[in-house]
Amino acid sequence: MKIGIPATDKTLESQIDARFGRCPYFIIVDTQKDDFKVIPNGAARASGGAGIQAAQNLVSEGVEAVIGANFGPNAFKTLYHGGVRIFNGSGSISTVIEQLKNNELTEMKDSNVPKKSGEFKR
């Protein structure tokens, strides 16, 4: 399974970034290959629609699930309609991957933050 995770840095010991659309990186873990790659979040500095753009990028990467702390309604809908399962989690990337493998994370059924809560401010 390919899992996308908003990250504060580029390693598996990085923390989940609470800002899905504004995180600096996404770590994509392939649990079947026991491998991962890091992609910069090109939407992080978008003037609007960062969550939607970030979600579209992960869908394009073939991600089957995401783990994160906060998902706005537009990002959530984009992921959901892209066939991506959405799980709530926090802490280090390596910890939440193990939690997902052990069925210890809650699958989300709706967004958990208001629209535009992560809006870019200058």
PDB file of N, CA and C in Angstrom:
ATOM      1  N   MET A   1       0.836  -1.174   0.000  1.00  0.00           N
ATOM      2  CA  MET A   1       0.000   0.000   0.000  1.00  0.00           C
ATOM      3  C   MET A   1       0.889   1.248   0.000  1.00  0.00           C
ATOM      4  N   LYS A   2       0.511   2.225  -0.799  1.00  0.00           N
ATOM      5  CA  LYS A   2       1.216   3.507  -0.813  1.00  0.00           C
ATOM      6  C   LYS A   2       0.477   4.481   0.100  1.00  0.00           C
ATOM      7  N   ILE A   3       1.223   5.030   1.052  1.00  0.00           N
ATOM      8  CA  ILE A   3       0.649   5.910   2.063  1.00  0.00           C
ATOM      9  C   ILE A   3       1.322   7.274   1.983  1.00  0.00           C
ATOM     10  N   GLY A   4       0.532   8.335   1.874  1.00  0.00           N
ATOM     11  CA  GLY A   4       1.050   9.698   1.848  1.00  0.00           C
ATOM     12  C   GLY A   4       0.894  10.352   3.209  1.00  0.00           C
ATOM     13  N   ILE A   5       1.967  11.021   3.652  1.00  0.00           N
ATOM     14  CA  ILE A   5       1.954  11.627   4.982  1.00  0.00           C
ATOM     15  C   ILE A   5       2.571  13.023   4.911  1.00  0.00           C
ATOM     16  N   PRO A   6       1.850  14.064   5.379  1.00  0.00           N
ATOM     17  CA  PRO A   6       2.429  15.408   5.426  1.00  0.00           C
ATOM     18  C   PRO A   6       3.516  15.449   6.494  1.00  0.00           C
ATOM     19  N   ALA A   7       4.708  15.892   6.111  1.00  0.00           N
ATOM     20  CA  ALA A   7       5.856  15.794   7.010  1.00  0.00           C
ATOM     21  C   ALA A   7       6.553  17.135   7.212  1.00  0.00           C
ATOM     22  N   THR A   8       7.154  17.271   8.398  1.00  0.00           N
ATOM     23  CA  THR A   8       7.920  18.476   8.718  1.00  0.00           C
ATOM     24  C   THR A   8       9.320  18.435   8.124  1.00  0.00           C
ATOM     25  N   ASP A   9       9.814  17.236   7.812  1.00  0.00           N
ATOM     26  CA  ASP A   9      11.164  17.073   7.268  1.00  0.00           C
ATOM     27  C   ASP A   9      11.185  15.850   6.356  1.00  0.00           C
ATOM     28  N   LYS A  10      12.372  15.405   5.968  1.00  0.00           N
ATOM     29  CA  LYS A  10      12.520  14.403   4.912  1.00  0.00           C
ATOM     30  C   LYS A  10      12.855  12.990   5.385  1.00  0.00           C
ATOM     31  N   THR A  11      12.697  12.693   6.673  1.00  0.00           N
ATOM     32  CA  THR A  11      13.038  11.352   7.163  1.00  0.00           C
ATOM     33  C   THR A  11      11.820  10.685   7.797  1.00  0.00           C
ATOM     34  N   LEU A  12      11.930   9.382   8.014  1.00  0.00           N
ATOM     35  CA  LEU A  12      10.844   8.644   8.659  1.00  0.00           C
ATOM     36  C   LEU A  12      10.705   8.994  10.136  1.00  0.00           C
ATOM     37  N   GLU A  13      11.707   9.650  10.690  1.00  0.00           N
ATOM     38  CA  GLU A  13      11.617  10.106  12.082  1.00  0.00           C
ATOM     39  C   GLU A  13      11.037  11.513  12.177  1.00  0.00           C
ATOM     40  N   SER A  14      10.732  12.118  11.029  1.00  0.00           N
ATOM     41  CA  SER A  14      10.076  13.429  11.010  1.00  0.00           C
ATOM     42  C   SER A  14       8.709  13.313  11.655  1.00  0.00           C
ATOM     43  N   GLN A  15       8.202  14.443  12.089  1.00  0.00           N
ATOM     44  CA  GLN A  15       6.855  14.506  12.654  1.00  0.00           C
ATOM     45  C   GLN A  15       5.837  14.754  11.547  1.00  0.00           C
ATOM     46  N   ILE A  16       4.620  14.302  11.776  1.00  0.00           N
ATOM     47  CA  ILE A  16       3.524  14.662  10.878  1.00  0.00           C
ATOM     48  C   ILE A  16       3.305  16.158  11.015  1.00  0.00           C
ATOM     49  N   ASP A  17       3.209  16.837   9.886  1.00  0.00           N
ATOM     50  CA  ASP A  17       2.894  18.267   9.899  1.00  0.00           C
ATOM     51  C   ASP A  17       1.384  18.403  10.031  1.00  0.00           C
ATOM     52  N   ALA A  18       0.932  19.185  10.979  1.00  0.00           N
ATOM     53  CA  ALA A  18      -0.506  19.355  11.230  1.00  0.00           C
ATOM     54  C   ALA A  18      -1.217  20.070  10.086  1.00  0.00           C
ATOM     55  N   ARG A  19      -0.449  20.738   9.216  1.00  0.00           N
ATOM     56  CA  ARG A  19      -1.037  21.521   8.120  1.00  0.00           C
ATOM     57  C   ARG A  19      -0.938  20.721   6.825  1.00  0.00           C
ATOM     58  N   PHE A  20      -1.950  19.952   6.501  1.00  0.00           N
ATOM     59  CA  PHE A  20      -1.908  19.089   5.324  1.00  0.00           C
ATOM     60  C   PHE A  20      -1.539  19.861   4.057  1.00  0.00           C
ATOM     61  N   GLY A  21      -2.264  20.895   3.720  1.00  0.00           N
ATOM     62  CA  GLY A  21      -2.026  21.630   2.473  1.00  0.00           C
ATOM     63  C   GLY A  21      -0.794  22.506   2.487  1.00  0.00           C
ATOM     64  N   ARG A  22      -0.291  22.841   3.668  1.00  0.00           N
ATOM     65  CA  ARG A  22       0.845  23.765   3.806  1.00  0.00           C
ATOM     66  C   ARG A  22       2.122  23.094   4.305  1.00  0.00           C
ATOM     67  N   CYS A  23       2.116  21.775   4.428  1.00  0.00           N
ATOM     68  CA  CYS A  23       3.329  21.085   4.888  1.00  0.00           C
ATOM     69  C   CYS A  23       4.452  21.265   3.863  1.00  0.00           C
ATOM     70  N   PRO A  24       5.710  21.250   4.288  1.00  0.00           N
ATOM     71  CA  PRO A  24       6.800  21.410   3.321  1.00  0.00           C
ATOM     72  C   PRO A  24       7.044  20.172   2.453  1.00  0.00           C
ATOM     73  N   TYR A  25       6.745  18.985   2.995  1.00  0.00           N
ATOM     74  CA  TYR A  25       7.028  17.738   2.275  1.00  0.00           C
ATOM     75  C   TYR A  25       5.904  16.729   2.483  1.00  0.00           C
ATOM     76  N   PHE A  26       5.828  15.805   1.546  1.00  0.00           N
ATOM     77  CA  PHE A  26       5.037  14.593   1.736  1.00  0.00           C
ATOM     78  C   PHE A  26       5.996  13.421   1.661  1.00  0.00           C
ATOM     79  N   ILE A  27       5.874  12.519   2.609  1.00  0.00           N
ATOM     80  CA  ILE A  27       6.609  11.262   2.546  1.00  0.00           C
ATOM     81  C   ILE A  27       5.621  10.207   2.065  1.00  0.00           C
ATOM     82  N   ILE A  28       5.996   9.521   1.006  1.00  0.00           N
ATOM     83  CA  ILE A  28       5.152   8.459   0.459  1.00  0.00           C
ATOM     84  C   ILE A  28       5.835   7.132   0.765  1.00  0.00           C
ATOM     85  N   VAL A  29       5.178   6.353   1.603  1.00  0.00           N
ATOM     86  CA  VAL A  29       5.705   5.067   2.039  1.00  0.00           C
ATOM     87  C   VAL A  29       5.012   3.965   1.249  1.00  0.00           C
ATOM     88  N   ASP A  30       5.809   3.076   0.674  1.00  0.00           N
ATOM     89  CA  ASP A  30       5.277   1.897  -0.014  1.00  0.00           C
ATOM     90  C   ASP A  30       5.503   0.711   0.916  1.00  0.00           C
ATOM     91  N   THR A  31       4.442   0.251   1.555  1.00  0.00           N
ATOM     92  CA  THR A  31       4.588  -0.817   2.545  1.00  0.00           C
ATOM     93  C   THR A  31       4.911  -2.167   1.912  1.00  0.00           C
ATOM     94  N   GLN A  32       4.555  -2.367   0.647  1.00  0.00           N
ATOM     95  CA  GLN A  32       4.868  -3.636  -0.018  1.00  0.00           C
ATOM     96  C   GLN A  32       6.348  -3.724  -0.365  1.00  0.00           C
ATOM     97  N   LYS A  33       6.937  -2.606  -0.762  1.00  0.00           N
ATOM     98  CA  LYS A  33       8.354  -2.582  -1.127  1.00  0.00           C
ATOM     99  C   LYS A  33       9.244  -2.217   0.056  1.00  0.00           C
ATOM    100  N   ASP A  34       8.624  -1.836   1.187  1.00  0.00           N
ATOM    101  CA  ASP A  34       9.359  -1.387   2.368  1.00  0.00           C
ATOM    102  C   ASP A  34      10.329  -0.267   1.993  1.00  0.00           C
ATOM    103  N   ASP A  35       9.781   0.737   1.302  1.00  0.00           N
ATOM    104  CA  ASP A  35      10.571   1.844   0.773  1.00  0.00           C
ATOM    105  C   ASP A  35       9.766   3.132   0.931  1.00  0.00           C
ATOM    106  N   PHE A  36      10.435   4.266   0.790  1.00  0.00           N
ATOM    107  CA  PHE A  36       9.728   5.535   0.820  1.00  0.00           C
ATOM    108  C   PHE A  36      10.423   6.547  -0.074  1.00  0.00           C
ATOM    109  N   LYS A  37       9.668   7.571  -0.450  1.00  0.00           N
ATOM    110  CA  LYS A  37      10.245   8.695  -1.176  1.00  0.00           C
ATOM    111  C   LYS A  37       9.664   9.973  -0.605  1.00  0.00           C
ATOM    112  N   VAL A  38      10.385  11.053  -0.814  1.00  0.00           N
ATOM    113  CA  VAL A  38       9.976  12.366  -0.327  1.00  0.00           C
ATOM    114  C   VAL A  38       9.685  13.245  -1.530  1.00  0.00           C
ATOM    115  N   ILE A  39       8.540  13.914  -1.495  1.00  0.00           N
ATOM    116  CA  ILE A  39       8.236  14.887  -2.545  1.00  0.00           C
ATOM    117  C   ILE A  39       7.953  16.231  -1.882  1.00  0.00           C
ATOM    118  N   PRO A  40       8.497  17.307  -2.447  1.00  0.00           N
ATOM    119  CA  PRO A  40       8.169  18.625  -1.906  1.00  0.00           C
ATOM    120  C   PRO A  40       6.703  18.942  -2.191  1.00  0.00           C
ATOM    121  N   ASN A  41       6.082  19.654  -1.282  1.00  0.00           N
ATOM    122  CA  ASN A  41       4.693  20.047  -1.473  1.00  0.00           C
ATOM    123  C   ASN A  41       4.656  21.351  -2.255  1.00  0.00           C
ATOM    124  N   GLY A  42       4.419  21.257  -3.541  1.00  0.00           N
ATOM    125  CA  GLY A  42       4.362  22.432  -4.404  1.00  0.00           C
ATOM    126  C   GLY A  42       3.210  23.356  -4.084  1.00  0.00           C
ATOM    127  N   ALA A  43       2.230  22.881  -3.336  1.00  0.00           N
ATOM    128  CA  ALA A  43       1.062  23.698  -2.989  1.00  0.00           C
ATOM    129  C   ALA A  43       1.274  24.513  -1.716  1.00  0.00           C
ATOM    130  N   ALA A  44       2.369  24.276  -1.014  1.00  0.00           N
ATOM    131  CA  ALA A  44       2.569  24.881   0.309  1.00  0.00           C
ATOM    132  C   ALA A  44       2.468  26.404   0.305  1.00  0.00           C
ATOM    133  N   ARG A  45       2.903  27.039  -0.748  1.00  0.00           N
ATOM    134  CA  ARG A  45       2.891  28.502  -0.778  1.00  0.00           C
ATOM    135  C   ARG A  45       1.839  29.059  -1.736  1.00  0.00           C
ATOM    136  N   ALA A  46       0.892  28.227  -2.121  1.00  0.00           N
ATOM    137  CA  ALA A  46      -0.188  28.680  -3.008  1.00  0.00           C
ATOM    138  C   ALA A  46      -1.019  29.744  -2.297  1.00  0.00           C
ATOM    139  N   SER A  47      -1.510  30.705  -3.057  1.00  0.00           N
ATOM    140  CA  SER A  47      -2.311  31.765  -2.442  1.00  0.00           C
ATOM    141  C   SER A  47      -3.689  31.259  -2.029  1.00  0.00           C
ATOM    142  N   GLY A  48      -4.136  30.166  -2.590  1.00  0.00           N
ATOM    143  CA  GLY A  48      -5.418  29.567  -2.227  1.00  0.00           C
ATOM    144  C   GLY A  48      -5.507  28.161  -2.774  1.00  0.00           C
ATOM    145  N   GLY A  49      -6.354  27.360  -2.186  1.00  0.00           N
ATOM    146  CA  GLY A  49      -6.563  25.997  -2.670  1.00  0.00           C
ATOM    147  C   GLY A  49      -5.415  25.048  -2.421  1.00  0.00           C
ATOM    148  N   ALA A  50      -4.591  25.328  -1.405  1.00  0.00           N
ATOM    149  CA  ALA A  50      -3.425  24.481  -1.147  1.00  0.00           C
ATOM    150  C   ALA A  50      -3.816  23.046  -0.813  1.00  0.00           C
ATOM    151  N   GLY A  51      -4.864  22.881  -0.023  1.00  0.00           N
ATOM    152  CA  GLY A  51      -5.295  21.533   0.350  1.00  0.00           C
ATOM    153  C   GLY A  51      -5.743  20.717  -0.843  1.00  0.00           C
ATOM    154  N   ILE A  52      -6.499  21.360  -1.742  1.00  0.00           N
ATOM    155  CA  ILE A  52      -6.971  20.673  -2.947  1.00  0.00           C
ATOM    156  C   ILE A  52      -5.786  20.282  -3.822  1.00  0.00           C
ATOM    157  N   GLN A  53      -4.861  21.218  -4.047  1.00  0.00           N
ATOM    158  CA  GLN A  53      -3.694  20.935  -4.892  1.00  0.00           C
ATOM    159  C   GLN A  53      -2.842  19.820  -4.296  1.00  0.00           C
ATOM    160  N   ALA A  54      -2.614  19.881  -2.987  1.00  0.00           N
ATOM    161  CA  ALA A  54      -1.812  18.846  -2.328  1.00  0.00           C
ATOM    162  C   ALA A  54      -2.494  17.482  -2.464  1.00  0.00           C
ATOM    163  N   ALA A  55      -3.808  17.456  -2.267  1.00  0.00           N
ATOM    164  CA  ALA A  55      -4.560  16.201  -2.393  1.00  0.00           C
ATOM    165  C   ALA A  55      -4.488  15.659  -3.817  1.00  0.00           C
ATOM    166  N   GLN A  56      -4.641  16.537  -4.809  1.00  0.00           N
ATOM    167  CA  GLN A  56      -4.553  16.110  -6.211  1.00  0.00           C
ATOM    168  C   GLN A  56      -3.178  15.527  -6.517  1.00  0.00           C
ATOM    169  N   ASN A  57      -2.132  16.135  -5.967  1.00  0.00           N
ATOM    170  CA  ASN A  57      -0.773  15.628  -6.186  1.00  0.00           C
ATOM    171  C   ASN A  57      -0.612  14.220  -5.610  1.00  0.00           C
ATOM    172  N   LEU A  58      -1.166  13.986  -4.432  1.00  0.00           N
ATOM    173  CA  LEU A  58      -1.061  12.654  -3.827  1.00  0.00           C
ATOM    174  C   LEU A  58      -1.868  11.620  -4.607  1.00  0.00           C
ATOM    175  N   VAL A  59      -3.040  12.004  -5.079  1.00  0.00           N
ATOM    176  CA  VAL A  59      -3.839  11.094  -5.915  1.00  0.00           C
ATOM    177  C   VAL A  59      -3.051  10.743  -7.177  1.00  0.00           C
ATOM    178  N   SER A  60      -2.400  11.738  -7.782  1.00  0.00           N
ATOM    179  CA  SER A  60      -1.583  11.503  -8.986  1.00  0.00           C
ATOM    180  C   SER A  60      -0.400  10.582  -8.711  1.00  0.00           C
ATOM    181  N   GLU A  61       0.090  10.592  -7.482  1.00  0.00           N
ATOM    182  CA  GLU A  61       1.207   9.719  -7.088  1.00  0.00           C
ATOM    183  C   GLU A  61       0.755   8.279  -6.839  1.00  0.00           C
ATOM    184  N   GLY A  62      -0.557   8.041  -6.899  1.00  0.00           N
ATOM    185  CA  GLY A  62      -1.068   6.689  -6.686  1.00  0.00           C
ATOM    186  C   GLY A  62      -1.216   6.294  -5.228  1.00  0.00           C
ATOM    187  N   VAL A  63      -1.294   7.288  -4.354  1.00  0.00           N
ATOM    188  CA  VAL A  63      -1.445   7.016  -2.928  1.00  0.00           C
ATOM    189  C   VAL A  63      -2.809   6.373  -2.668  1.00  0.00           C
ATOM    190  N   GLU A  64      -2.817   5.347  -1.832  1.00  0.00           N
ATOM    191  CA  GLU A  64      -4.059   4.642  -1.487  1.00  0.00           C
ATOM    192  C   GLU A  64      -4.609   5.062  -0.137  1.00  0.00           C
ATOM    193  N   ALA A  65      -3.754   5.672   0.690  1.00  0.00           N
ATOM    194  CA  ALA A  65      -4.168   6.141   2.014  1.00  0.00           C
ATOM    195  C   ALA A  65      -3.315   7.342   2.390  1.00  0.00           C
ATOM    196  N   VAL A  66      -3.867   8.196   3.244  1.00  0.00           N
ATOM    197  CA  VAL A  66      -3.096   9.287   3.838  1.00  0.00           C
ATOM    198  C   VAL A  66      -3.288   9.221   5.346  1.00  0.00           C
ATOM    199  N   ILE A  67      -2.256   9.667   6.050  1.00  0.00           N
ATOM    200  CA  ILE A  67      -2.335   9.792   7.503  1.00  0.00           C
ATOM    201  C   ILE A  67      -1.986  11.237   7.819  1.00  0.00           C
ATOM    202  N   GLY A  68      -2.823  11.895   8.593  1.00  0.00           N
ATOM    203  CA  GLY A  68      -2.555  13.280   8.949  1.00  0.00           C
ATOM    204  C   GLY A  68      -3.357  13.701  10.159  1.00  0.00           C
ATOM    205  N   ALA A  69      -3.046  14.891  10.644  1.00  0.00           N
ATOM    206  CA  ALA A  69      -3.724  15.414  11.828  1.00  0.00           C
ATOM    207  C   ALA A  69      -4.969  16.207  11.466  1.00  0.00           C
ATOM    208  N   ASN A  70      -4.879  17.012  10.400  1.00  0.00           N
ATOM    209  CA  ASN A  70      -5.969  17.921  10.055  1.00  0.00           C
ATOM    210  C   ASN A  70      -6.232  17.910   8.558  1.00  0.00           C
ATOM    211  N   PHE A  71      -7.516  17.807   8.208  1.00  0.00           N
ATOM    212  CA  PHE A  71      -7.930  17.826   6.808  1.00  0.00           C
ATOM    213  C   PHE A  71      -9.126  18.755   6.669  1.00  0.00           C
ATOM    214  N   GLY A  72      -8.982  19.781   5.825  1.00  0.00           N
ATOM    215  CA  GLY A  72     -10.097  20.664   5.532  1.00  0.00           C
ATOM    216  C   GLY A  72     -11.092  19.980   4.616  1.00  0.00           C
ATOM    217  N   PRO A  73     -12.293  20.568   4.468  1.00  0.00           N
ATOM    218  CA  PRO A  73     -13.336  19.911   3.683  1.00  0.00           C
ATOM    219  C   PRO A  73     -12.984  19.704   2.214  1.00  0.00           C
ATOM    220  N   ASN A  74     -12.303  20.648   1.586  1.00  0.00           N
ATOM    221  CA  ASN A  74     -11.985  20.504   0.160  1.00  0.00           C
ATOM    222  C   ASN A  74     -10.896  19.461  -0.076  1.00  0.00           C
ATOM    223  N   ALA A  75      -9.867  19.471   0.760  1.00  0.00           N
ATOM    224  CA  ALA A  75      -8.827  18.444   0.649  1.00  0.00           C
ATOM    225  C   ALA A  75      -9.423  17.066   0.921  1.00  0.00           C
ATOM    226  N   PHE A  76     -10.268  16.987   1.942  1.00  0.00           N
ATOM    227  CA  PHE A  76     -10.894  15.709   2.290  1.00  0.00           C
ATOM    228  C   PHE A  76     -11.709  15.169   1.117  1.00  0.00           C
ATOM    229  N   LYS A  77     -12.540  16.015   0.521  1.00  0.00           N
ATOM    230  CA  LYS A  77     -13.373  15.588  -0.613  1.00  0.00           C
ATOM    231  C   LYS A  77     -12.522  15.149  -1.797  1.00  0.00           C
ATOM    232  N   THR A  78     -11.442  15.883  -2.067  1.00  0.00           N
ATOM    233  CA  THR A  78     -10.565  15.541  -3.188  1.00  0.00           C
ATOM    234  C   THR A  78      -9.933  14.169  -2.967  1.00  0.00           C
ATOM    235  N   LEU A  79      -9.444  13.930  -1.769  1.00  0.00           N
ATOM    236  CA  LEU A  79      -8.855  12.628  -1.455  1.00  0.00           C
ATOM    237  C   LEU A  79      -9.908  11.523  -1.525  1.00  0.00           C
ATOM    238  N   TYR A  80     -11.044  11.760  -0.901  1.00  0.00           N
ATOM    239  CA  TYR A  80     -12.117  10.765  -0.860  1.00  0.00           C
ATOM    240  C   TYR A  80     -12.567  10.386  -2.269  1.00  0.00           C
ATOM    241  N   HIS A  81     -12.811  11.383  -3.104  1.00  0.00           N
ATOM    242  CA  HIS A  81     -13.265  11.107  -4.473  1.00  0.00           C
ATOM    243  C   HIS A  81     -12.150  10.518  -5.338  1.00  0.00           C
ATOM    244  N   GLY A  82     -10.901  10.658  -4.894  1.00  0.00           N
ATOM    245  CA  GLY A  82      -9.778  10.026  -5.578  1.00  0.00           C
ATOM    246  C   GLY A  82      -9.553   8.590  -5.125  1.00  0.00           C
ATOM    247  N   GLY A  83     -10.430   8.096  -4.245  1.00  0.00           N
ATOM    248  CA  GLY A  83     -10.320   6.718  -3.777  1.00  0.00           C
ATOM    249  C   GLY A  83      -9.296   6.512  -2.680  1.00  0.00           C
ATOM    250  N   VAL A  84      -8.903   7.593  -2.016  1.00  0.00           N
ATOM    251  CA  VAL A  84      -7.875   7.527  -0.975  1.00  0.00           C
ATOM    252  C   VAL A  84      -8.539   7.411   0.394  1.00  0.00           C
ATOM    253  N   ARG A  85      -8.093   6.459   1.189  1.00  0.00           N
ATOM    254  CA  ARG A  85      -8.565   6.329   2.571  1.00  0.00           C
ATOM    255  C   ARG A  85      -7.819   7.337   3.435  1.00  0.00           C
ATOM    256  N   ILE A  86      -8.510   7.932   4.398  1.00  0.00           N
ATOM    257  CA  ILE A  86      -7.960   9.026   5.194  1.00  0.00           C
ATOM    258  C   ILE A  86      -7.974   8.622   6.667  1.00  0.00           C
ATOM    259  N   PHE A  87      -6.787   8.657   7.282  1.00  0.00           N
ATOM    260  CA  PHE A  87      -6.643   8.254   8.676  1.00  0.00           C
ATOM    261  C   PHE A  87      -6.123   9.414   9.508  1.00  0.00           C
ATOM    262  N   ASN A  88      -6.599   9.487  10.746  1.00  0.00           N
ATOM    263  CA  ASN A  88      -6.133  10.514  11.672  1.00  0.00           C
ATOM    264  C   ASN A  88      -4.961   9.967  12.466  1.00  0.00           C
ATOM    265  N   GLY A  89      -3.880  10.752  12.519  1.00  0.00           N
ATOM    266  CA  GLY A  89      -2.712  10.334  13.274  1.00  0.00           C
ATOM    267  C   GLY A  89      -1.788  11.497  13.536  1.00  0.00           C
ATOM    268  N   SER A  90      -0.927  11.338  14.528  1.00  0.00           N
ATOM    269  CA  SER A  90       0.078  12.360  14.830  1.00  0.00           C
ATOM    270  C   SER A  90       1.294  11.664  15.428  1.00  0.00           C
ATOM    271  N   GLY A  91       2.393  12.395  15.459  1.00  0.00           N
ATOM    272  CA  GLY A  91       3.643  11.829  15.951  1.00  0.00           C
ATOM    273  C   GLY A  91       4.619  11.635  14.808  1.00  0.00           C
ATOM    274  N   SER A  92       5.545  10.710  14.979  1.00  0.00           N
ATOM    275  CA  SER A  92       6.550  10.485  13.935  1.00  0.00           C
ATOM    276  C   SER A  92       5.965   9.636  12.809  1.00  0.00           C
ATOM    277  N   ILE A  93       6.550   9.799  11.632  1.00  0.00           N
ATOM    278  CA  ILE A  93       6.106   9.050  10.457  1.00  0.00           C
ATOM    279  C   ILE A  93       6.227   7.545  10.714  1.00  0.00           C
ATOM    280  N   SER A  94       7.361   7.122  11.248  1.00  0.00           N
ATOM    281  CA  SER A  94       7.570   5.686  11.480  1.00  0.00           C
ATOM    282  C   SER A  94       6.541   5.120  12.460  1.00  0.00           C
ATOM    283  N   THR A  95       6.182   5.894  13.470  1.00  0.00           N
ATOM    284  CA  THR A  95       5.201   5.431  14.453  1.00  0.00           C
ATOM    285  C   THR A  95       3.824   5.252  13.833  1.00  0.00           C
ATOM    286  N   VAL A  96       3.374   6.238  13.044  1.00  0.00           N
ATOM    287  CA  VAL A  96       2.022   6.127  12.471  1.00  0.00           C
ATOM    288  C   VAL A  96       1.944   5.039  11.402  1.00  0.00           C
ATOM    289  N   ILE A  97       3.042   4.774  10.718  1.00  0.00           N
ATOM    290  CA  ILE A  97       3.047   3.672   9.749  1.00  0.00           C
ATOM    291  C   ILE A  97       2.813   2.349  10.485  1.00  0.00           C
ATOM    292  N   GLU A  98       3.507   2.155  11.597  1.00  0.00           N
ATOM    293  CA  GLU A  98       3.311   0.935  12.387  1.00  0.00           C
ATOM    294  C   GLU A  98       1.894   0.872  12.945  1.00  0.00           C
ATOM    295  N   GLN A  99       1.374   2.024  13.385  1.00  0.00           N
ATOM    296  CA  GLN A  99       0.004   2.051  13.897  1.00  0.00           C
ATOM    297  C   GLN A  99      -0.997   1.664  12.806  1.00  0.00           C
ATOM    298  N   LEU A 100      -0.774   2.139  11.583  1.00  0.00           N
ATOM    299  CA  LEU A 100      -1.676   1.780  10.487  1.00  0.00           C
ATOM    300  C   LEU A 100      -1.593   0.282  10.189  1.00  0.00           C
ATOM    301  N   LYS A 101      -0.375  -0.243  10.144  1.00  0.00           N
ATOM    302  CA  LYS A 101      -0.198  -1.678   9.892  1.00  0.00           C
ATOM    303  C   LYS A 101      -0.905  -2.528  10.951  1.00  0.00           C
ATOM    304  N   ASN A 102      -0.960  -2.013  12.187  1.00  0.00           N
ATOM    305  CA  ASN A 102      -1.577  -2.740  13.300  1.00  0.00           C
ATOM    306  C   ASN A 102      -3.051  -2.373  13.511  1.00  0.00           C
ATOM    307  N   ASN A 103      -3.634  -1.662  12.537  1.00  0.00           N
ATOM    308  CA  ASN A 103      -5.045  -1.243  12.616  1.00  0.00           C
ATOM    309  C   ASN A 103      -5.353  -0.431  13.870  1.00  0.00           C
ATOM    310  N   GLU A 104      -4.427   0.448  14.249  1.00  0.00           N
ATOM    311  CA  GLU A 104      -4.596   1.257  15.456  1.00  0.00           C
ATOM    312  C   GLU A 104      -5.017   2.694  15.160  1.00  0.00           C
ATOM    313  N   LEU A 105      -5.174   3.049  13.887  1.00  0.00           N
ATOM    314  CA  LEU A 105      -5.573   4.412  13.533  1.00  0.00           C
ATOM    315  C   LEU A 105      -7.045   4.448  13.147  1.00  0.00           C
ATOM    316  N   THR A 106      -7.668   5.586  13.405  1.00  0.00           N
ATOM    317  CA  THR A 106      -9.079   5.773  13.073  1.00  0.00           C
ATOM    318  C   THR A 106      -9.214   6.307  11.657  1.00  0.00           C
ATOM    319  N   GLU A 107     -10.038   5.629  10.853  1.00  0.00           N
ATOM    320  CA  GLU A 107     -10.320   6.133   9.513  1.00  0.00           C
ATOM    321  C   GLU A 107     -11.346   7.250   9.630  1.00  0.00           C
ATOM    322  N   MET A 108     -11.051   8.371   8.988  1.00  0.00           N
ATOM    323  CA  MET A 108     -11.923   9.539   9.070  1.00  0.00           C
ATOM    324  C   MET A 108     -13.070   9.427   8.072  1.00  0.00           C
ATOM    325  N   LYS A 109     -14.208   9.938   8.459  1.00  0.00           N
ATOM    326  CA  LYS A 109     -15.395   9.932   7.601  1.00  0.00           C
ATOM    327  C   LYS A 109     -15.756  11.338   7.134  1.00  0.00           C
ATOM    328  N   ASP A 110     -15.070  12.349   7.687  1.00  0.00           N
ATOM    329  CA  ASP A 110     -15.341  13.737   7.314  1.00  0.00           C
ATOM    330  C   ASP A 110     -14.139  14.588   7.706  1.00  0.00           C
ATOM    331  N   SER A 111     -14.094  15.813   7.180  1.00  0.00           N
ATOM    332  CA  SER A 111     -13.012  16.734   7.518  1.00  0.00           C
ATOM    333  C   SER A 111     -13.104  17.098   9.000  1.00  0.00           C
ATOM    334  N   ASN A 112     -11.999  17.572   9.547  1.00  0.00           N
ATOM    335  CA  ASN A 112     -11.990  17.924  10.965  1.00  0.00           C
ATOM    336  C   ASN A 112     -11.534  19.358  11.238  1.00  0.00           C
ATOM    337  N   VAL A 113     -11.420  20.166  10.196  1.00  0.00           N
ATOM    338  CA  VAL A 113     -11.128  21.595  10.373  1.00  0.00           C
ATOM    339  C   VAL A 113     -12.018  22.398   9.428  1.00  0.00           C
ATOM    340  N   PRO A 114     -12.291  23.659   9.780  1.00  0.00           N
ATOM    341  CA  PRO A 114     -13.125  24.481   8.902  1.00  0.00           C
ATOM    342  C   PRO A 114     -12.425  24.822   7.597  1.00  0.00           C
ATOM    343  N   LYS A 115     -13.210  25.194   6.628  1.00  0.00           N
ATOM    344  CA  LYS A 115     -12.694  25.621   5.330  1.00  0.00           C
ATOM    345  C   LYS A 115     -11.731  26.785   5.518  1.00  0.00           C
ATOM    346  N   LYS A 116     -10.629  26.759   4.767  1.00  0.00           N
ATOM    347  CA  LYS A 116      -9.617  27.814   4.719  1.00  0.00           C
ATOM    348  C   LYS A 116      -8.907  28.057   6.049  1.00  0.00           C
ATOM    349  N   SER A 117      -8.841  27.071   6.920  1.00  0.00           N
ATOM    350  CA  SER A 117      -8.177  27.282   8.208  1.00  0.00           C
ATOM    351  C   SER A 117      -6.663  27.375   8.078  1.00  0.00           C
ATOM    352  N   GLY A 118      -6.096  26.816   7.013  1.00  0.00           N
ATOM    353  CA  GLY A 118      -4.651  26.865   6.834  1.00  0.00           C
ATOM    354  C   GLY A 118      -4.217  27.895   5.823  1.00  0.00           C
ATOM    355  N   GLU A 119      -5.057  28.889   5.579  1.00  0.00           N
ATOM    356  CA  GLU A 119      -4.796  29.884   4.547  1.00  0.00           C
ATOM    357  C   GLU A 119      -3.429  30.544   4.734  1.00  0.00           C
ATOM    358  N   PHE A 120      -2.727  30.733   3.631  1.00  0.00           N
ATOM    359  CA  PHE A 120      -1.400  31.352   3.644  1.00  0.00           C
ATOM    360  C   PHE A 120      -1.517  32.817   4.039  1.00  0.00           C
ATOM    361  N   LYS A 121      -0.717  33.207   5.009  1.00  0.00           N
ATOM    362  CA  LYS A 121      -0.730  34.600   5.453  1.00  0.00           C
ATOM    363  C   LYS A 121       0.662  35.183   5.287  1.00  0.00           C
ATOM    364  N   ARG A 122       0.736  36.369   4.760  1.00  0.00           N
ATOM    365  CA  ARG A 122       2.027  37.038   4.568  1.00  0.00           C
ATOM    366  C   ARG A 122       2.359  37.898   5.755  1.00  0.00           C
TER     367      ARG A 122
END
